[in-house]
Amino acid sequence: MKTQIEILEKIMNCVDGEPVSFMALCRQTGFNYRTVRRHLELIEYLQQQSPKIQILRDGFRVVIRKFQAEPLATS
């Protein structure tokens, strides 16, 4: 059984700059339609969230916090 991260990585590796259908993703990844749809919905939801989540690791300690992306500097 694949972990959620393995499923997400496999889906994201099949998505590039060209449009691809759900069925093509299913064939390329070997996952069923519901699995691909559910994980793409999760990716889309997470990308829309603001503020973003930042995970910091310090030895055995893991800290998760929300942060606002800094605006890009313009010259």
PDB file of N, CA and C in Angstrom:
ATOM      1  N   MET A   1       0.844  -1.186   0.000  1.00  0.00           N
ATOM      2  CA  MET A   1       0.000   0.000   0.000  1.00  0.00           C
ATOM      3  C   MET A   1       0.886   1.245   0.000  1.00  0.00           C
ATOM      4  N   LYS A   2       0.561   2.185  -0.845  1.00  0.00           N
ATOM      5  CA  LYS A   2       1.338   3.419  -0.972  1.00  0.00           C
ATOM      6  C   LYS A   2       0.912   4.417   0.103  1.00  0.00           C
ATOM      7  N   THR A   3       1.878   5.227   0.547  1.00  0.00           N
ATOM      8  CA  THR A   3       1.549   6.301   1.479  1.00  0.00           C
ATOM      9  C   THR A   3       0.955   7.467   0.695  1.00  0.00           C
ATOM     10  N   GLN A   4       0.323   8.389   1.406  1.00  0.00           N
ATOM     11  CA  GLN A   4      -0.265   9.567   0.779  1.00  0.00           C
ATOM     12  C   GLN A   4       0.790  10.372   0.032  1.00  0.00           C
ATOM     13  N   ILE A   5       1.969  10.490   0.611  1.00  0.00           N
ATOM     14  CA  ILE A   5       3.044  11.256  -0.024  1.00  0.00           C
ATOM     15  C   ILE A   5       3.495  10.579  -1.312  1.00  0.00           C
ATOM     16  N   GLU A   6       3.598   9.248  -1.297  1.00  0.00           N
ATOM     17  CA  GLU A   6       3.984   8.523  -2.511  1.00  0.00           C
ATOM     18  C   GLU A   6       2.953   8.712  -3.621  1.00  0.00           C
ATOM     19  N   ILE A   7       1.677   8.706  -3.242  1.00  0.00           N
ATOM     20  CA  ILE A   7       0.608   8.919  -4.226  1.00  0.00           C
ATOM     21  C   ILE A   7       0.708  10.322  -4.808  1.00  0.00           C
ATOM     22  N   LEU A   8       0.855  11.328  -3.939  1.00  0.00           N
ATOM     23  CA  LEU A   8       0.968  12.714  -4.404  1.00  0.00           C
ATOM     24  C   LEU A   8       2.188  12.904  -5.299  1.00  0.00           C
ATOM     25  N   GLU A   9       3.316  12.327  -4.916  1.00  0.00           N
ATOM     26  CA  GLU A   9       4.527  12.459  -5.720  1.00  0.00           C
ATOM     27  C   GLU A   9       4.346  11.827  -7.095  1.00  0.00           C
ATOM     28  N   LYS A  10       3.726  10.660  -7.145  1.00  0.00           N
ATOM     29  CA  LYS A  10       3.533   9.982  -8.421  1.00  0.00           C
ATOM     30  C   LYS A  10       2.612  10.795  -9.330  1.00  0.00           C
ATOM     31  N   ILE A  11       1.548  11.359  -8.750  1.00  0.00           N
ATOM     32  CA  ILE A  11       0.632  12.196  -9.534  1.00  0.00           C
ATOM     33  C   ILE A  11       1.358  13.436 -10.035  1.00  0.00           C
ATOM     34  N   MET A  12       2.081  14.121  -9.154  1.00  0.00           N
ATOM     35  CA  MET A  12       2.763  15.356  -9.543  1.00  0.00           C
ATOM     36  C   MET A  12       3.862  15.101 -10.571  1.00  0.00           C
ATOM     37  N   ASN A  13       4.488  13.944 -10.532  1.00  0.00           N
ATOM     38  CA  ASN A  13       5.516  13.608 -11.532  1.00  0.00           C
ATOM     39  C   ASN A  13       4.909  13.420 -12.918  1.00  0.00           C
ATOM     40  N   CYS A  14       3.611  13.120 -12.981  1.00  0.00           N
ATOM     41  CA  CYS A  14       2.945  12.917 -14.272  1.00  0.00           C
ATOM     42  C   CYS A  14       2.345  14.210 -14.820  1.00  0.00           C
ATOM     43  N   VAL A  15       2.329  15.259 -14.010  1.00  0.00           N
ATOM     44  CA  VAL A  15       1.767  16.544 -14.436  1.00  0.00           C
ATOM     45  C   VAL A  15       2.919  17.453 -14.808  1.00  0.00           C
ATOM     46  N   ASP A  16       2.897  17.941 -16.048  1.00  0.00           N
ATOM     47  CA  ASP A  16       3.913  18.899 -16.457  1.00  0.00           C
ATOM     48  C   ASP A  16       3.210  20.119 -17.037  1.00  0.00           C
ATOM     49  N   GLY A  17       3.822  20.816 -17.929  1.00  0.00           N
ATOM     50  CA  GLY A  17       3.242  22.036 -18.474  1.00  0.00           C
ATOM     51  C   GLY A  17       2.067  21.810 -19.410  1.00  0.00           C
ATOM     52  N   GLU A  18       1.898  20.594 -19.908  1.00  0.00           N
ATOM     53  CA  GLU A  18       0.817  20.293 -20.839  1.00  0.00           C
ATOM     54  C   GLU A  18      -0.418  19.808 -20.091  1.00  0.00           C
ATOM     55  N   PRO A  19      -1.622  20.187 -20.565  1.00  0.00           N
ATOM     56  CA  PRO A  19      -2.851  19.687 -19.930  1.00  0.00           C
ATOM     57  C   PRO A  19      -2.926  18.168 -20.045  1.00  0.00           C
ATOM     58  N   VAL A  20      -3.448  17.540 -18.998  1.00  0.00           N
ATOM     59  CA  VAL A  20      -3.598  16.086 -18.973  1.00  0.00           C
ATOM     60  C   VAL A  20      -4.942  15.753 -18.336  1.00  0.00           C
ATOM     61  N   SER A  21      -5.623  14.741 -18.844  1.00  0.00           N
ATOM     62  CA  SER A  21      -6.943  14.368 -18.323  1.00  0.00           C
ATOM     63  C   SER A  21      -6.800  13.486 -17.081  1.00  0.00           C
ATOM     64  N   PHE A  22      -7.911  13.392 -16.332  1.00  0.00           N
ATOM     65  CA  PHE A  22      -7.933  12.499 -15.178  1.00  0.00           C
ATOM     66  C   PHE A  22      -7.633  11.069 -15.619  1.00  0.00           C
ATOM     67  N   MET A  23      -8.249  10.654 -16.718  1.00  0.00           N
ATOM     68  CA  MET A  23      -8.070   9.276 -17.176  1.00  0.00           C
ATOM     69  C   MET A  23      -6.615   9.013 -17.575  1.00  0.00           C
ATOM     70  N   ALA A  24      -5.959   9.999 -18.188  1.00  0.00           N
ATOM     71  CA  ALA A  24      -4.544   9.841 -18.535  1.00  0.00           C
ATOM     72  C   ALA A  24      -3.700   9.710 -17.267  1.00  0.00           C
ATOM     73  N   LEU A  25      -4.024  10.506 -16.248  1.00  0.00           N
ATOM     74  CA  LEU A  25      -3.306  10.397 -14.975  1.00  0.00           C
ATOM     75  C   LEU A  25      -3.530   9.034 -14.338  1.00  0.00           C
ATOM     76  N   CYS A  26      -4.752   8.535 -14.440  1.00  0.00           N
ATOM     77  CA  CYS A  26      -5.052   7.206 -13.892  1.00  0.00           C
ATOM     78  C   CYS A  26      -4.209   6.139 -14.583  1.00  0.00           C
ATOM     79  N   ARG A  27      -4.132   6.215 -15.902  1.00  0.00           N
ATOM     80  CA  ARG A  27      -3.342   5.233 -16.653  1.00  0.00           C
ATOM     81  C   ARG A  27      -1.855   5.355 -16.314  1.00  0.00           C
ATOM     82  N   GLN A  28      -1.348   6.582 -16.244  1.00  0.00           N
ATOM     83  CA  GLN A  28       0.082   6.792 -16.001  1.00  0.00           C
ATOM     84  C   GLN A  28       0.499   6.394 -14.585  1.00  0.00           C
ATOM     85  N   THR A  29      -0.386   6.648 -13.613  1.00  0.00           N
ATOM     86  CA  THR A  29      -0.044   6.365 -12.217  1.00  0.00           C
ATOM     87  C   THR A  29      -0.463   4.971 -11.768  1.00  0.00           C
ATOM     88  N   GLY A  30      -1.477   4.418 -12.419  1.00  0.00           N
ATOM     89  CA  GLY A  30      -1.999   3.120 -11.993  1.00  0.00           C
ATOM     90  C   GLY A  30      -3.011   3.225 -10.875  1.00  0.00           C
ATOM     91  N   PHE A  31      -3.421   4.464 -10.518  1.00  0.00           N
ATOM     92  CA  PHE A  31      -4.410   4.667  -9.463  1.00  0.00           C
ATOM     93  C   PHE A  31      -5.792   4.793 -10.091  1.00  0.00           C
ATOM     94  N   ASN A  32      -6.828   4.496  -9.297  1.00  0.00           N
ATOM     95  CA  ASN A  32      -8.180   4.642  -9.825  1.00  0.00           C
ATOM     96  C   ASN A  32      -8.604   6.112  -9.844  1.00  0.00           C
ATOM     97  N   TYR A  33      -9.702   6.364 -10.547  1.00  0.00           N
ATOM     98  CA  TYR A  33     -10.197   7.730 -10.766  1.00  0.00           C
ATOM     99  C   TYR A  33     -10.429   8.458  -9.449  1.00  0.00           C
ATOM    100  N   ARG A  34     -11.074   7.796  -8.487  1.00  0.00           N
ATOM    101  CA  ARG A  34     -11.384   8.458  -7.204  1.00  0.00           C
ATOM    102  C   ARG A  34     -10.121   8.864  -6.454  1.00  0.00           C
ATOM    103  N   THR A  35      -9.101   8.024  -6.488  1.00  0.00           N
ATOM    104  CA  THR A  35      -7.843   8.344  -5.804  1.00  0.00           C
ATOM    105  C   THR A  35      -7.189   9.565  -6.435  1.00  0.00           C
ATOM    106  N   VAL A  36      -7.109   9.595  -7.756  1.00  0.00           N
ATOM    107  CA  VAL A  36      -6.496  10.729  -8.457  1.00  0.00           C
ATOM    108  C   VAL A  36      -7.297  11.998  -8.199  1.00  0.00           C
ATOM    109  N   ARG A  37      -8.621  11.933  -8.315  1.00  0.00           N
ATOM    110  CA  ARG A  37      -9.469  13.108  -8.105  1.00  0.00           C
ATOM    111  C   ARG A  37      -9.318  13.643  -6.683  1.00  0.00           C
ATOM    112  N   ARG A  38      -9.352  12.748  -5.707  1.00  0.00           N
ATOM    113  CA  ARG A  38      -9.253  13.155  -4.302  1.00  0.00           C
ATOM    114  C   ARG A  38      -7.912  13.837  -4.018  1.00  0.00           C
ATOM    115  N   HIS A  39      -6.831  13.307  -4.550  1.00  0.00           N
ATOM    116  CA  HIS A  39      -5.515  13.901  -4.294  1.00  0.00           C
ATOM    117  C   HIS A  39      -5.317  15.209  -5.052  1.00  0.00           C
ATOM    118  N   LEU A  40      -5.858  15.321  -6.256  1.00  0.00           N
ATOM    119  CA  LEU A  40      -5.781  16.594  -6.977  1.00  0.00           C
ATOM    120  C   LEU A  40      -6.608  17.665  -6.274  1.00  0.00           C
ATOM    121  N   GLU A  41      -7.760  17.294  -5.712  1.00  0.00           N
ATOM    122  CA  GLU A  41      -8.558  18.249  -4.939  1.00  0.00           C
ATOM    123  C   GLU A  41      -7.785  18.717  -3.716  1.00  0.00           C
ATOM    124  N   LEU A  42      -7.069  17.813  -3.062  1.00  0.00           N
ATOM    125  CA  LEU A  42      -6.252  18.182  -1.910  1.00  0.00           C
ATOM    126  C   LEU A  42      -5.145  19.148  -2.318  1.00  0.00           C
ATOM    127  N   ILE A  43      -4.457  18.857  -3.420  1.00  0.00           N
ATOM    128  CA  ILE A  43      -3.393  19.742  -3.911  1.00  0.00           C
ATOM    129  C   ILE A  43      -3.958  21.123  -4.223  1.00  0.00           C
ATOM    130  N   GLU A  44      -5.091  21.165  -4.921  1.00  0.00           N
ATOM    131  CA  GLU A  44      -5.717  22.433  -5.282  1.00  0.00           C
ATOM    132  C   GLU A  44      -6.117  23.223  -4.038  1.00  0.00           C
ATOM    133  N   TYR A  45      -6.707  22.554  -3.058  1.00  0.00           N
ATOM    134  CA  TYR A  45      -7.113  23.208  -1.814  1.00  0.00           C
ATOM    135  C   TYR A  45      -5.905  23.801  -1.096  1.00  0.00           C
ATOM    136  N   LEU A  46      -4.832  23.031  -0.991  1.00  0.00           N
ATOM    137  CA  LEU A  46      -3.644  23.509  -0.287  1.00  0.00           C
ATOM    138  C   LEU A  46      -2.988  24.686  -0.998  1.00  0.00           C
ATOM    139  N   GLN A  47      -3.011  24.681  -2.334  1.00  0.00           N
ATOM    140  CA  GLN A  47      -2.414  25.776  -3.087  1.00  0.00           C
ATOM    141  C   GLN A  47      -3.205  27.069  -2.921  1.00  0.00           C
ATOM    142  N   GLN A  48      -4.495  26.968  -2.646  1.00  0.00           N
ATOM    143  CA  GLN A  48      -5.330  28.154  -2.508  1.00  0.00           C
ATOM    144  C   GLN A  48      -5.251  28.765  -1.121  1.00  0.00           C
ATOM    145  N   GLN A  49      -4.755  28.026  -0.158  1.00  0.00           N
ATOM    146  CA  GLN A  49      -4.728  28.507   1.215  1.00  0.00           C
ATOM    147  C   GLN A  49      -3.706  29.623   1.394  1.00  0.00           C
ATOM    148  N   SER A  50      -4.125  30.635   2.118  1.00  0.00           N
ATOM    149  CA  SER A  50      -3.233  31.712   2.492  1.00  0.00           C
ATOM    150  C   SER A  50      -3.655  32.150   3.880  1.00  0.00           C
ATOM    151  N   PRO A  51      -2.852  32.208   4.849  1.00  0.00           N
ATOM    152  CA  PRO A  51      -1.406  32.070   4.812  1.00  0.00           C
ATOM    153  C   PRO A  51      -0.979  30.615   4.617  1.00  0.00           C
ATOM    154  N   LYS A  52       0.229  30.465   4.212  1.00  0.00           N
ATOM    155  CA  LYS A  52       0.799  29.148   3.964  1.00  0.00           C
ATOM    156  C   LYS A  52       1.311  28.544   5.269  1.00  0.00           C
ATOM    157  N   ILE A  53       1.597  27.257   5.228  1.00  0.00           N
ATOM    158  CA  ILE A  53       2.122  26.549   6.389  1.00  0.00           C
ATOM    159  C   ILE A  53       3.623  26.333   6.174  1.00  0.00           C
ATOM    160  N   GLN A  54       4.372  26.531   7.227  1.00  0.00           N
ATOM    161  CA  GLN A  54       5.809  26.305   7.171  1.00  0.00           C
ATOM    162  C   GLN A  54       6.162  25.279   8.241  1.00  0.00           C
ATOM    163  N   ILE A  55       6.939  24.278   7.866  1.00  0.00           N
ATOM    164  CA  ILE A  55       7.373  23.252   8.809  1.00  0.00           C
ATOM    165  C   ILE A  55       8.862  23.432   9.031  1.00  0.00           C
ATOM    166  N   LEU A  56       9.224  23.636  10.285  1.00  0.00           N
ATOM    167  CA  LEU A  56      10.628  23.826  10.653  1.00  0.00           C
ATOM    168  C   LEU A  56      11.079  22.629  11.472  1.00  0.00           C
ATOM    169  N   ARG A  57      12.243  22.088  11.157  1.00  0.00           N
ATOM    170  CA  ARG A  57      12.771  20.946  11.895  1.00  0.00           C
ATOM    171  C   ARG A  57      14.049  21.375  12.609  1.00  0.00           C
ATOM    172  N   ASP A  58      14.107  21.051  13.897  1.00  0.00           N
ATOM    173  CA  ASP A  58      15.280  21.368  14.698  1.00  0.00           C
ATOM    174  C   ASP A  58      15.588  20.137  15.537  1.00  0.00           C
ATOM    175  N   GLY A  59      16.437  19.262  15.011  1.00  0.00           N
ATOM    176  CA  GLY A  59      16.712  18.009  15.712  1.00  0.00           C
ATOM    177  C   GLY A  59      15.473  17.142  15.740  1.00  0.00           C
ATOM    178  N   PHE A  60      15.047  16.756  16.947  1.00  0.00           N
ATOM    179  CA  PHE A  60      13.847  15.939  17.097  1.00  0.00           C
ATOM    180  C   PHE A  60      12.582  16.785  17.144  1.00  0.00           C
ATOM    181  N   ARG A  61      12.731  18.070  17.263  1.00  0.00           N
ATOM    182  CA  ARG A  61      11.588  18.970  17.404  1.00  0.00           C
ATOM    183  C   ARG A  61      11.108  19.437  16.032  1.00  0.00           C
ATOM    184  N   VAL A  62       9.803  19.385  15.831  1.00  0.00           N
ATOM    185  CA  VAL A  62       9.190  19.859  14.596  1.00  0.00           C
ATOM    186  C   VAL A  62       8.188  20.937  14.968  1.00  0.00           C
ATOM    187  N   VAL A  63       8.317  22.095  14.347  1.00  0.00           N
ATOM    188  CA  VAL A  63       7.432  23.225  14.617  1.00  0.00           C
ATOM    189  C   VAL A  63       6.688  23.562  13.331  1.00  0.00           C
ATOM    190  N   ILE A  64       5.374  23.691  13.438  1.00  0.00           N
ATOM    191  CA  ILE A  64       4.546  24.045  12.293  1.00  0.00           C
ATOM    192  C   ILE A  64       3.918  25.397  12.581  1.00  0.00           C
ATOM    193  N   ARG A  65       4.022  26.305  11.616  1.00  0.00           N
ATOM    194  CA  ARG A  65       3.445  27.630  11.825  1.00  0.00           C
ATOM    195  C   ARG A  65       2.899  28.167  10.515  1.00  0.00           C
ATOM    196  N   LYS A  66       2.001  29.129  10.635  1.00  0.00           N
ATOM    197  CA  LYS A  66       1.487  29.821   9.460  1.00  0.00           C
ATOM    198  C   LYS A  66       2.396  31.005   9.176  1.00  0.00           C
ATOM    199  N   PHE A  67       2.561  31.332   7.913  1.00  0.00           N
ATOM    200  CA  PHE A  67       3.341  32.494   7.580  1.00  0.00           C
ATOM    201  C   PHE A  67       2.789  33.117   6.306  1.00  0.00           C
ATOM    202  N   GLN A  68       3.011  34.388   6.161  1.00  0.00           N
ATOM    203  CA  GLN A  68       2.632  35.112   4.963  1.00  0.00           C
ATOM    204  C   GLN A  68       3.850  35.189   4.062  1.00  0.00           C
ATOM    205  N   ALA A  69       3.655  34.920   2.810  1.00  0.00           N
ATOM    206  CA  ALA A  69       4.775  35.032   1.867  1.00  0.00           C
ATOM    207  C   ALA A  69       5.155  36.500   1.744  1.00  0.00           C
ATOM    208  N   GLU A  70       6.448  36.752   1.734  1.00  0.00           N
ATOM    209  CA  GLU A  70       6.929  38.119   1.603  1.00  0.00           C
ATOM    210  C   GLU A  70       6.774  38.549   0.151  1.00  0.00           C
ATOM    211  N   PRO A  71       6.362  39.818  -0.076  1.00  0.00           N
ATOM    212  CA  PRO A  71       6.240  40.275  -1.450  1.00  0.00           C
ATOM    213  C   PRO A  71       7.599  40.302  -2.146  1.00  0.00           C
ATOM    214  N   LEU A  72       7.594  40.025  -3.425  1.00  0.00           N
ATOM    215  CA  LEU A  72       8.838  40.038  -4.187  1.00  0.00           C
ATOM    216  C   LEU A  72       9.366  41.462  -4.307  1.00  0.00           C
ATOM    217  N   ALA A  73      10.647  41.614  -4.160  1.00  0.00           N
ATOM    218  CA  ALA A  73      11.268  42.924  -4.275  1.00  0.00           C
ATOM    219  C   ALA A  73      11.318  43.316  -5.748  1.00  0.00           C
ATOM    220  N   THR A  74      10.971  44.563  -6.022  1.00  0.00           N
ATOM    221  CA  THR A  74      11.045  45.060  -7.402  1.00  0.00           C
ATOM    222  C   THR A  74      12.133  46.103  -7.491  1.00  0.00           C
ATOM    223  N   SER A  75      12.860  46.069  -8.569  1.00  0.00           N
ATOM    224  CA  SER A  75      13.962  47.029  -8.723  1.00  0.00           C
ATOM    225  C   SER A  75      13.600  48.096  -9.728  1.00  0.00           C
TER     226      SER A  75
END
